[in-house]
Amino acid sequence: MGIPVGAHGRLGLKSFSQTSAWLPQVDQPLCTDCCAKVQKEVEAALRETEREIEAYQAALRRLSAEEQTALPDEEFRRQMAAVEEEEDRERC
């Protein structure tokens, strides 16, 4: 069972009881202090995951923008041929 994911790929955790639903079931109860510590750790992991999601989405936006400004195939081939020709001359 994975971490619950809400709309827009966001992890939707509102309370420790919701958070603990995806944690492995344990026969030993947690004291209040331990429960608070686990909650802080899970919330920190959640924030990190949300930052990673935002970075991934930003990278996708940049990639999409690059695709829109990419050279046409023929122009790319022409420029690559010119670079390869120049490299060949430098080797001699």
PDB file of N, CA and C in Angstrom:
ATOM      1  N   MET A   1       0.847  -1.176   0.000  1.00  0.00           N
ATOM      2  CA  MET A   1       0.000   0.000   0.000  1.00  0.00           C
ATOM      3  C   MET A   1       0.889   1.234   0.000  1.00  0.00           C
ATOM      4  N   GLY A   2       0.647   2.198  -0.873  1.00  0.00           N
ATOM      5  CA  GLY A   2       1.483   3.389  -0.992  1.00  0.00           C
ATOM      6  C   GLY A   2       0.931   4.566  -0.220  1.00  0.00           C
ATOM      7  N   ILE A   3       1.624   5.678  -0.307  1.00  0.00           N
ATOM      8  CA  ILE A   3       1.201   6.918   0.332  1.00  0.00           C
ATOM      9  C   ILE A   3      -0.012   7.444  -0.424  1.00  0.00           C
ATOM     10  N   PRO A   4      -1.064   7.891   0.298  1.00  0.00           N
ATOM     11  CA  PRO A   4      -2.252   8.396  -0.405  1.00  0.00           C
ATOM     12  C   PRO A   4      -1.927   9.670  -1.175  1.00  0.00           C
ATOM     13  N   VAL A   5      -2.365   9.727  -2.424  1.00  0.00           N
ATOM     14  CA  VAL A   5      -2.110  10.880  -3.277  1.00  0.00           C
ATOM     15  C   VAL A   5      -3.441  11.515  -3.631  1.00  0.00           C
ATOM     16  N   GLY A   6      -3.527  12.846  -3.475  1.00  0.00           N
ATOM     17  CA  GLY A   6      -4.753  13.568  -3.774  1.00  0.00           C
ATOM     18  C   GLY A   6      -4.727  14.139  -5.175  1.00  0.00           C
ATOM     19  N   ALA A   7      -5.590  15.118  -5.413  1.00  0.00           N
ATOM     20  CA  ALA A   7      -5.693  15.761  -6.722  1.00  0.00           C
ATOM     21  C   ALA A   7      -4.381  16.444  -7.082  1.00  0.00           C
ATOM     22  N   HIS A   8      -4.087  16.509  -8.363  1.00  0.00           N
ATOM     23  CA  HIS A   8      -2.910  17.185  -8.894  1.00  0.00           C
ATOM     24  C   HIS A   8      -1.608  16.562  -8.407  1.00  0.00           C
ATOM     25  N   GLY A   9      -1.625  15.283  -8.043  1.00  0.00           N
ATOM     26  CA  GLY A   9      -0.399  14.611  -7.635  1.00  0.00           C
ATOM     27  C   GLY A   9       0.100  15.023  -6.273  1.00  0.00           C
ATOM     28  N   ARG A  10      -0.671  15.779  -5.538  1.00  0.00           N
ATOM     29  CA  ARG A  10      -0.264  16.208  -4.194  1.00  0.00           C
ATOM     30  C   ARG A  10      -0.570  15.115  -3.191  1.00  0.00           C
ATOM     31  N   LEU A  11       0.324  14.987  -2.242  1.00  0.00           N
ATOM     32  CA  LEU A  11       0.071  14.038  -1.180  1.00  0.00           C
ATOM     33  C   LEU A  11      -0.889  14.687  -0.197  1.00  0.00           C
ATOM     34  N   GLY A  12      -1.993  14.051   0.065  1.00  0.00           N
ATOM     35  CA  GLY A  12      -2.997  14.659   0.926  1.00  0.00           C
ATOM     36  C   GLY A  12      -3.017  14.039   2.299  1.00  0.00           C
ATOM     37  N   LEU A  13      -2.262  14.587   3.215  1.00  0.00           N
ATOM     38  CA  LEU A  13      -2.234  14.098   4.587  1.00  0.00           C
ATOM     39  C   LEU A  13      -2.632  15.237   5.517  1.00  0.00           C
ATOM     40  N   LYS A  14      -3.735  15.071   6.228  1.00  0.00           N
ATOM     41  CA  LYS A  14      -4.217  16.154   7.074  1.00  0.00           C
ATOM     42  C   LYS A  14      -3.952  15.909   8.555  1.00  0.00           C
ATOM     43  N   SER A  15      -3.821  14.677   8.948  1.00  0.00           N
ATOM     44  CA  SER A  15      -3.594  14.402  10.358  1.00  0.00           C
ATOM     45  C   SER A  15      -2.761  13.134  10.493  1.00  0.00           C
ATOM     46  N   PHE A  16      -2.281  12.901  11.698  1.00  0.00           N
ATOM     47  CA  PHE A  16      -1.467  11.709  11.900  1.00  0.00           C
ATOM     48  C   PHE A  16      -2.297  10.455  11.686  1.00  0.00           C
ATOM     49  N   SER A  17      -3.584  10.493  12.016  1.00  0.00           N
ATOM     50  CA  SER A  17      -4.404   9.297  11.821  1.00  0.00           C
ATOM     51  C   SER A  17      -4.485   8.954  10.337  1.00  0.00           C
ATOM     52  N   GLN A  18      -4.555   9.970   9.466  1.00  0.00           N
ATOM     53  CA  GLN A  18      -4.531   9.701   8.029  1.00  0.00           C
ATOM     54  C   GLN A  18      -3.154   9.213   7.611  1.00  0.00           C
ATOM     55  N   THR A  19      -2.125   9.828   8.164  1.00  0.00           N
ATOM     56  CA  THR A  19      -0.762   9.452   7.828  1.00  0.00           C
ATOM     57  C   THR A  19      -0.499   8.010   8.224  1.00  0.00           C
ATOM     58  N   SER A  20      -0.940   7.645   9.411  1.00  0.00           N
ATOM     59  CA  SER A  20      -0.644   6.313   9.914  1.00  0.00           C
ATOM     60  C   SER A  20      -1.398   5.233   9.163  1.00  0.00           C
ATOM     61  N   ALA A  21      -2.398   5.595   8.383  1.00  0.00           N
ATOM     62  CA  ALA A  21      -3.169   4.589   7.648  1.00  0.00           C
ATOM     63  C   ALA A  21      -2.296   3.850   6.645  1.00  0.00           C
ATOM     64  N   TRP A  22      -1.294   4.506   6.069  1.00  0.00           N
ATOM     65  CA  TRP A  22      -0.440   3.847   5.094  1.00  0.00           C
ATOM     66  C   TRP A  22       0.825   3.280   5.720  1.00  0.00           C
ATOM     67  N   LEU A  23       1.058   3.547   7.015  1.00  0.00           N
ATOM     68  CA  LEU A  23       2.205   2.969   7.699  1.00  0.00           C
ATOM     69  C   LEU A  23       1.913   1.513   8.040  1.00  0.00           C
ATOM     70  N   PRO A  24       2.930   0.681   8.096  1.00  0.00           N
ATOM     71  CA  PRO A  24       2.695  -0.711   8.488  1.00  0.00           C
ATOM     72  C   PRO A  24       2.052  -0.762   9.872  1.00  0.00           C
ATOM     73  N   GLN A  25       1.138  -1.663  10.028  1.00  0.00           N
ATOM     74  CA  GLN A  25       0.459  -1.794  11.317  1.00  0.00           C
ATOM     75  C   GLN A  25       1.423  -2.382  12.339  1.00  0.00           C
ATOM     76  N   VAL A  26       1.456  -1.782  13.539  1.00  0.00           N
ATOM     77  CA  VAL A  26       2.366  -2.182  14.600  1.00  0.00           C
ATOM     78  C   VAL A  26       1.527  -2.520  15.819  1.00  0.00           C
ATOM     79  N   ASP A  27       1.917  -3.596  16.511  1.00  0.00           N
ATOM     80  CA  ASP A  27       1.165  -4.006  17.688  1.00  0.00           C
ATOM     81  C   ASP A  27       1.461  -3.130  18.893  1.00  0.00           C
ATOM     82  N   GLN A  28       2.559  -2.405  18.887  1.00  0.00           N
ATOM     83  CA  GLN A  28       2.946  -1.609  20.034  1.00  0.00           C
ATOM     84  C   GLN A  28       2.514  -0.157  19.829  1.00  0.00           C
ATOM     85  N   PRO A  29       1.739   0.395  20.747  1.00  0.00           N
ATOM     86  CA  PRO A  29       1.290   1.791  20.591  1.00  0.00           C
ATOM     87  C   PRO A  29       2.443   2.774  20.811  1.00  0.00           C
ATOM     88  N   LEU A  30       2.288   3.989  20.286  1.00  0.00           N
ATOM     89  CA  LEU A  30       3.287   5.040  20.455  1.00  0.00           C
ATOM     90  C   LEU A  30       2.863   5.992  21.559  1.00  0.00           C
ATOM     91  N   CYS A  31       3.835   6.458  22.336  1.00  0.00           N
ATOM     92  CA  CYS A  31       3.529   7.486  23.321  1.00  0.00           C
ATOM     93  C   CYS A  31       3.318   8.810  22.576  1.00  0.00           C
ATOM     94  N   THR A  32       2.806   9.802  23.265  1.00  0.00           N
ATOM     95  CA  THR A  32       2.512  11.091  22.641  1.00  0.00           C
ATOM     96  C   THR A  32       3.768  11.723  22.044  1.00  0.00           C
ATOM     97  N   ASP A  33       4.879  11.668  22.786  1.00  0.00           N
ATOM     98  CA  ASP A  33       6.122  12.251  22.290  1.00  0.00           C
ATOM     99  C   ASP A  33       6.619  11.538  21.028  1.00  0.00           C
ATOM    100  N   CYS A  34       6.567  10.208  21.046  1.00  0.00           N
ATOM    101  CA  CYS A  34       7.004   9.436  19.875  1.00  0.00           C
ATOM    102  C   CYS A  34       6.077   9.689  18.692  1.00  0.00           C
ATOM    103  N   CYS A  35       4.796   9.785  18.973  1.00  0.00           N
ATOM    104  CA  CYS A  35       3.826  10.045  17.914  1.00  0.00           C
ATOM    105  C   CYS A  35       4.110  11.411  17.279  1.00  0.00           C
ATOM    106  N   ALA A  36       4.401  12.413  18.099  1.00  0.00           N
ATOM    107  CA  ALA A  36       4.713  13.747  17.586  1.00  0.00           C
ATOM    108  C   ALA A  36       5.994  13.710  16.754  1.00  0.00           C
ATOM    109  N   LYS A  37       6.985  12.945  17.201  1.00  0.00           N
ATOM    110  CA  LYS A  37       8.240  12.836  16.460  1.00  0.00           C
ATOM    111  C   LYS A  37       8.012  12.176  15.105  1.00  0.00           C
ATOM    112  N   VAL A  38       7.254  11.099  15.094  1.00  0.00           N
ATOM    113  CA  VAL A  38       6.963  10.413  13.830  1.00  0.00           C
ATOM    114  C   VAL A  38       6.191  11.333  12.903  1.00  0.00           C
ATOM    115  N   GLN A  39       5.241  12.080  13.460  1.00  0.00           N
ATOM    116  CA  GLN A  39       4.456  13.004  12.645  1.00  0.00           C
ATOM    117  C   GLN A  39       5.361  14.062  12.021  1.00  0.00           C
ATOM    118  N   LYS A  40       6.293  14.620  12.789  1.00  0.00           N
ATOM    119  CA  LYS A  40       7.219  15.619  12.249  1.00  0.00           C
ATOM    120  C   LYS A  40       8.077  15.027  11.132  1.00  0.00           C
ATOM    121  N   GLU A  41       8.543  13.790  11.340  1.00  0.00           N
ATOM    122  CA  GLU A  41       9.365  13.141  10.323  1.00  0.00           C
ATOM    123  C   GLU A  41       8.569  12.910   9.038  1.00  0.00           C
ATOM    124  N   VAL A  42       7.333  12.470   9.178  1.00  0.00           N
ATOM    125  CA  VAL A  42       6.498  12.219   8.009  1.00  0.00           C
ATOM    126  C   VAL A  42       6.176  13.539   7.307  1.00  0.00           C
ATOM    127  N   GLU A  43       5.888  14.574   8.082  1.00  0.00           N
ATOM    128  CA  GLU A  43       5.605  15.880   7.477  1.00  0.00           C
ATOM    129  C   GLU A  43       6.830  16.434   6.763  1.00  0.00           C
ATOM    130  N   ALA A  44       8.025  16.223   7.311  1.00  0.00           N
ATOM    131  CA  ALA A  44       9.258  16.660   6.646  1.00  0.00           C
ATOM    132  C   ALA A  44       9.448  15.886   5.337  1.00  0.00           C
ATOM    133  N   ALA A  45       9.178  14.586   5.374  1.00  0.00           N
ATOM    134  CA  ALA A  45       9.279  13.780   4.150  1.00  0.00           C
ATOM    135  C   ALA A  45       8.249  14.247   3.130  1.00  0.00           C
ATOM    136  N   LEU A  46       7.089  14.616   3.593  1.00  0.00           N
ATOM    137  CA  LEU A  46       6.037  15.123   2.707  1.00  0.00           C
ATOM    138  C   LEU A  46       6.468  16.424   2.043  1.00  0.00           C
ATOM    139  N   ARG A  47       7.034  17.346   2.833  1.00  0.00           N
ATOM    140  CA  ARG A  47       7.506  18.613   2.262  1.00  0.00           C
ATOM    141  C   ARG A  47       8.596  18.367   1.221  1.00  0.00           C
ATOM    142  N   GLU A  48       9.502  17.452   1.502  1.00  0.00           N
ATOM    143  CA  GLU A  48      10.570  17.121   0.559  1.00  0.00           C
ATOM    144  C   GLU A  48       9.981  16.537  -0.727  1.00  0.00           C
ATOM    145  N   THR A  49       9.010  15.666  -0.576  1.00  0.00           N
ATOM    146  CA  THR A  49       8.365  15.065  -1.755  1.00  0.00           C
ATOM    147  C   THR A  49       7.653  16.134  -2.571  1.00  0.00           C
ATOM    148  N   GLU A  50       6.999  17.068  -1.910  1.00  0.00           N
ATOM    149  CA  GLU A  50       6.318  18.152  -2.626  1.00  0.00           C
ATOM    150  C   GLU A  50       7.324  19.030  -3.366  1.00  0.00           C
ATOM    151  N   ARG A  51       8.500  19.286  -2.753  1.00  0.00           N
ATOM    152  CA  ARG A  51       9.547  20.048  -3.446  1.00  0.00           C
ATOM    153  C   ARG A  51      10.043  19.289  -4.675  1.00  0.00           C
ATOM    154  N   GLU A  52      10.191  17.975  -4.544  1.00  0.00           N
ATOM    155  CA  GLU A  52      10.627  17.169  -5.678  1.00  0.00           C
ATOM    156  C   GLU A  52       9.590  17.190  -6.798  1.00  0.00           C
ATOM    157  N   ILE A  53       8.310  17.139  -6.430  1.00  0.00           N
ATOM    158  CA  ILE A  53       7.233  17.203  -7.428  1.00  0.00           C
ATOM    159  C   ILE A  53       7.281  18.542  -8.147  1.00  0.00           C
ATOM    160  N   GLU A  54       7.452  19.630  -7.400  1.00  0.00           N
ATOM    161  CA  GLU A  54       7.519  20.967  -8.009  1.00  0.00           C
ATOM    162  C   GLU A  54       8.727  21.087  -8.931  1.00  0.00           C
ATOM    163  N   ALA A  55       9.869  20.542  -8.526  1.00  0.00           N
ATOM    164  CA  ALA A  55      11.065  20.582  -9.369  1.00  0.00           C
ATOM    165  C   ALA A  55      10.851  19.771 -10.639  1.00  0.00           C
ATOM    166  N   TYR A  56      10.211  18.618 -10.513  1.00  0.00           N
ATOM    167  CA  TYR A  56       9.928  17.773 -11.673  1.00  0.00           C
ATOM    168  C   TYR A  56       8.988  18.489 -12.638  1.00  0.00           C
ATOM    169  N   GLN A  57       7.946  19.119 -12.095  1.00  0.00           N
ATOM    170  CA  GLN A  57       7.003  19.841 -12.950  1.00  0.00           C
ATOM    171  C   GLN A  57       7.681  21.026 -13.639  1.00  0.00           C
ATOM    172  N   ALA A  58       8.573  21.720 -12.937  1.00  0.00           N
ATOM    173  CA  ALA A  58       9.314  22.829 -13.549  1.00  0.00           C
ATOM    174  C   ALA A  58      10.208  22.313 -14.674  1.00  0.00           C
ATOM    175  N   ALA A  59      10.843  21.155 -14.460  1.00  0.00           N
ATOM    176  CA  ALA A  59      11.691  20.573 -15.497  1.00  0.00           C
ATOM    177  C   ALA A  59      10.850  20.193 -16.721  1.00  0.00           C
ATOM    178  N   LEU A  60       9.662  19.666 -16.491  1.00  0.00           N
ATOM    179  CA  LEU A  60       8.776  19.343 -17.611  1.00  0.00           C
ATOM    180  C   LEU A  60       8.375  20.595 -18.386  1.00  0.00           C
ATOM    181  N   ARG A  61       8.107  21.684 -17.657  1.00  0.00           N
ATOM    182  CA  ARG A  61       7.753  22.947 -18.330  1.00  0.00           C
ATOM    183  C   ARG A  61       8.920  23.449 -19.176  1.00  0.00           C
ATOM    184  N   ARG A  62      10.158  23.386 -18.618  1.00  0.00           N
ATOM    185  CA  ARG A  62      11.335  23.817 -19.373  1.00  0.00           C
ATOM    186  C   ARG A  62      11.530  22.951 -20.615  1.00  0.00           C
ATOM    187  N   LEU A  63      11.370  21.652 -20.460  1.00  0.00           N
ATOM    188  CA  LEU A  63      11.518  20.749 -21.592  1.00  0.00           C
ATOM    189  C   LEU A  63      10.484  21.053 -22.665  1.00  0.00           C
ATOM    190  N   SER A  64       9.271  21.316 -22.254  1.00  0.00           N
ATOM    191  CA  SER A  64       8.208  21.648 -23.204  1.00  0.00           C
ATOM    192  C   SER A  64       8.545  22.939 -23.945  1.00  0.00           C
ATOM    193  N   ALA A  65       9.070  23.931 -23.233  1.00  0.00           N
ATOM    194  CA  ALA A  65       9.445  25.199 -23.858  1.00  0.00           C
ATOM    195  C   ALA A  65      10.599  24.986 -24.835  1.00  0.00           C
ATOM    196  N   GLU A  66      11.550  24.126 -24.475  1.00  0.00           N
ATOM    197  CA  GLU A  66      12.674  23.840 -25.369  1.00  0.00           C
ATOM    198  C   GLU A  66      12.196  23.149 -26.637  1.00  0.00           C
ATOM    199  N   GLU A  67      11.233  22.263 -26.498  1.00  0.00           N
ATOM    200  CA  GLU A  67      10.705  21.567 -27.677  1.00  0.00           C
ATOM    201  C   GLU A  67      10.058  22.556 -28.640  1.00  0.00           C
ATOM    202  N   GLN A  68       9.430  23.599 -28.097  1.00  0.00           N
ATOM    203  CA  GLN A  68       8.768  24.582 -28.941  1.00  0.00           C
ATOM    204  C   GLN A  68       9.776  25.467 -29.666  1.00  0.00           C
ATOM    205  N   THR A  69      10.970  25.619 -29.100  1.00  0.00           N
ATOM    206  CA  THR A  69      11.970  26.484 -29.717  1.00  0.00           C
ATOM    207  C   THR A  69      13.079  25.680 -30.408  1.00  0.00           C
ATOM    208  N   ALA A  70      12.892  24.403 -30.539  1.00  0.00           N
ATOM    209  CA  ALA A  70      13.913  23.553 -31.164  1.00  0.00           C
ATOM    210  C   ALA A  70      14.062  23.902 -32.636  1.00  0.00           C
ATOM    211  N   LEU A  71      15.272  23.678 -33.139  1.00  0.00           N
ATOM    212  CA  LEU A  71      15.540  23.920 -34.554  1.00  0.00           C
ATOM    213  C   LEU A  71      14.786  22.897 -35.404  1.00  0.00           C
ATOM    214  N   PRO A  72      14.360  23.309 -36.573  1.00  0.00           N
ATOM    215  CA  PRO A  72      13.801  22.327 -37.506  1.00  0.00           C
ATOM    216  C   PRO A  72      14.883  21.297 -37.843  1.00  0.00           C
ATOM    217  N   ASP A  73      14.483  20.090 -38.171  1.00  0.00           N
ATOM    218  CA  ASP A  73      15.434  19.005 -38.435  1.00  0.00           C
ATOM    219  C   ASP A  73      16.489  19.376 -39.467  1.00  0.00           C
ATOM    220  N   GLU A  74      16.091  19.972 -40.560  1.00  0.00           N
ATOM    221  CA  GLU A  74      17.031  20.310 -41.632  1.00  0.00           C
ATOM    222  C   GLU A  74      18.077  21.320 -41.145  1.00  0.00           C
ATOM    223  N   GLU A  75      17.634  22.315 -40.389  1.00  0.00           N
ATOM    224  CA  GLU A  75      18.561  23.313 -39.847  1.00  0.00           C
ATOM    225  C   GLU A  75      19.519  22.665 -38.854  1.00  0.00           C
ATOM    226  N   PHE A  76      19.014  21.775 -38.012  1.00  0.00           N
ATOM    227  CA  PHE A  76      19.859  21.061 -37.055  1.00  0.00           C
ATOM    228  C   PHE A  76      20.926  20.251 -37.782  1.00  0.00           C
ATOM    229  N   ARG A  77      20.532  19.503 -38.812  1.00  0.00           N
ATOM    230  CA  ARG A  77      21.486  18.702 -39.583  1.00  0.00           C
ATOM    231  C   ARG A  77      22.546  19.583 -40.233  1.00  0.00           C
ATOM    232  N   ARG A  78      22.132  20.736 -40.769  1.00  0.00           N
ATOM    233  CA  ARG A  78      23.068  21.650 -41.413  1.00  0.00           C
ATOM    234  C   ARG A  78      24.100  22.146 -40.402  1.00  0.00           C
ATOM    235  N   GLN A  79      23.641  22.557 -39.217  1.00  0.00           N
ATOM    236  CA  GLN A  79      24.557  23.057 -38.197  1.00  0.00           C
ATOM    237  C   GLN A  79      25.476  21.947 -37.691  1.00  0.00           C
ATOM    238  N   MET A  80      24.942  20.737 -37.513  1.00  0.00           N
ATOM    239  CA  MET A  80      25.775  19.621 -37.057  1.00  0.00           C
ATOM    240  C   MET A  80      26.852  19.297 -38.088  1.00  0.00           C
ATOM    241  N   ALA A  81      26.483  19.329 -39.357  1.00  0.00           N
ATOM    242  CA  ALA A  81      27.462  19.059 -40.418  1.00  0.00           C
ATOM    243  C   ALA A  81      28.570  20.109 -40.390  1.00  0.00           C
ATOM    244  N   ALA A  82      28.198  21.369 -40.163  1.00  0.00           N
ATOM    245  CA  ALA A  82      29.201  22.440 -40.113  1.00  0.00           C
ATOM    246  C   ALA A  82      30.134  22.239 -38.924  1.00  0.00           C
ATOM    247  N   VAL A  83      29.600  21.855 -37.778  1.00  0.00           N
ATOM    248  CA  VAL A  83      30.429  21.623 -36.587  1.00  0.00           C
ATOM    249  C   VAL A  83      31.354  20.439 -36.820  1.00  0.00           C
ATOM    250  N   GLU A  84      30.832  19.356 -37.380  1.00  0.00           N
ATOM    251  CA  GLU A  84      31.660  18.182 -37.650  1.00  0.00           C
ATOM    252  C   GLU A  84      32.772  18.504 -38.651  1.00  0.00           C
ATOM    253  N   GLU A  85      32.447  19.304 -39.650  1.00  0.00           N
ATOM    254  CA  GLU A  85      33.443  19.707 -40.645  1.00  0.00           C
ATOM    255  C   GLU A  85      34.543  20.527 -39.983  1.00  0.00           C
ATOM    256  N   GLU A  86      34.160  21.427 -39.105  1.00  0.00           N
ATOM    257  CA  GLU A  86      35.139  22.254 -38.387  1.00  0.00           C
ATOM    258  C   GLU A  86      36.010  21.387 -37.487  1.00  0.00           C
ATOM    259  N   GLU A  87      35.434  20.403 -36.817  1.00  0.00           N
ATOM    260  CA  GLU A  87      36.207  19.505 -35.966  1.00  0.00           C
ATOM    261  C   GLU A  87      37.208  18.692 -36.778  1.00  0.00           C
ATOM    262  N   ASP A  88      36.773  18.256 -37.970  1.00  0.00           N
ATOM    263  CA  ASP A  88      37.669  17.510 -38.859  1.00  0.00           C
ATOM    264  C   ASP A  88      38.868  18.368 -39.265  1.00  0.00           C
ATOM    265  N   ARG A  89      38.628  19.654 -39.574  1.00  0.00           N
ATOM    266  CA  ARG A  89      39.722  20.559 -39.968  1.00  0.00           C
ATOM    267  C   ARG A  89      40.691  20.768 -38.806  1.00  0.00           C
ATOM    268  N   GLU A  90      40.160  20.846 -37.577  1.00  0.00           N
ATOM    269  CA  GLU A  90      41.024  21.067 -36.397  1.00  0.00           C
ATOM    270  C   GLU A  90      41.898  19.858 -36.112  1.00  0.00           C
ATOM    271  N   ARG A  91      41.436  18.676 -36.450  1.00  0.00           N
ATOM    272  CA  ARG A  91      42.199  17.453 -36.209  1.00  0.00           C
ATOM    273  C   ARG A  91      43.400  17.345 -37.133  1.00  0.00           C
ATOM    274  N   CYS A  92      43.316  17.935 -38.308  1.00  0.00           N
ATOM    275  CA  CYS A  92      44.388  17.821 -39.308  1.00  0.00           C
ATOM    276  C   CYS A  92      45.532  18.714 -39.039  1.00  0.00           C
TER     277      CYS A  92
END
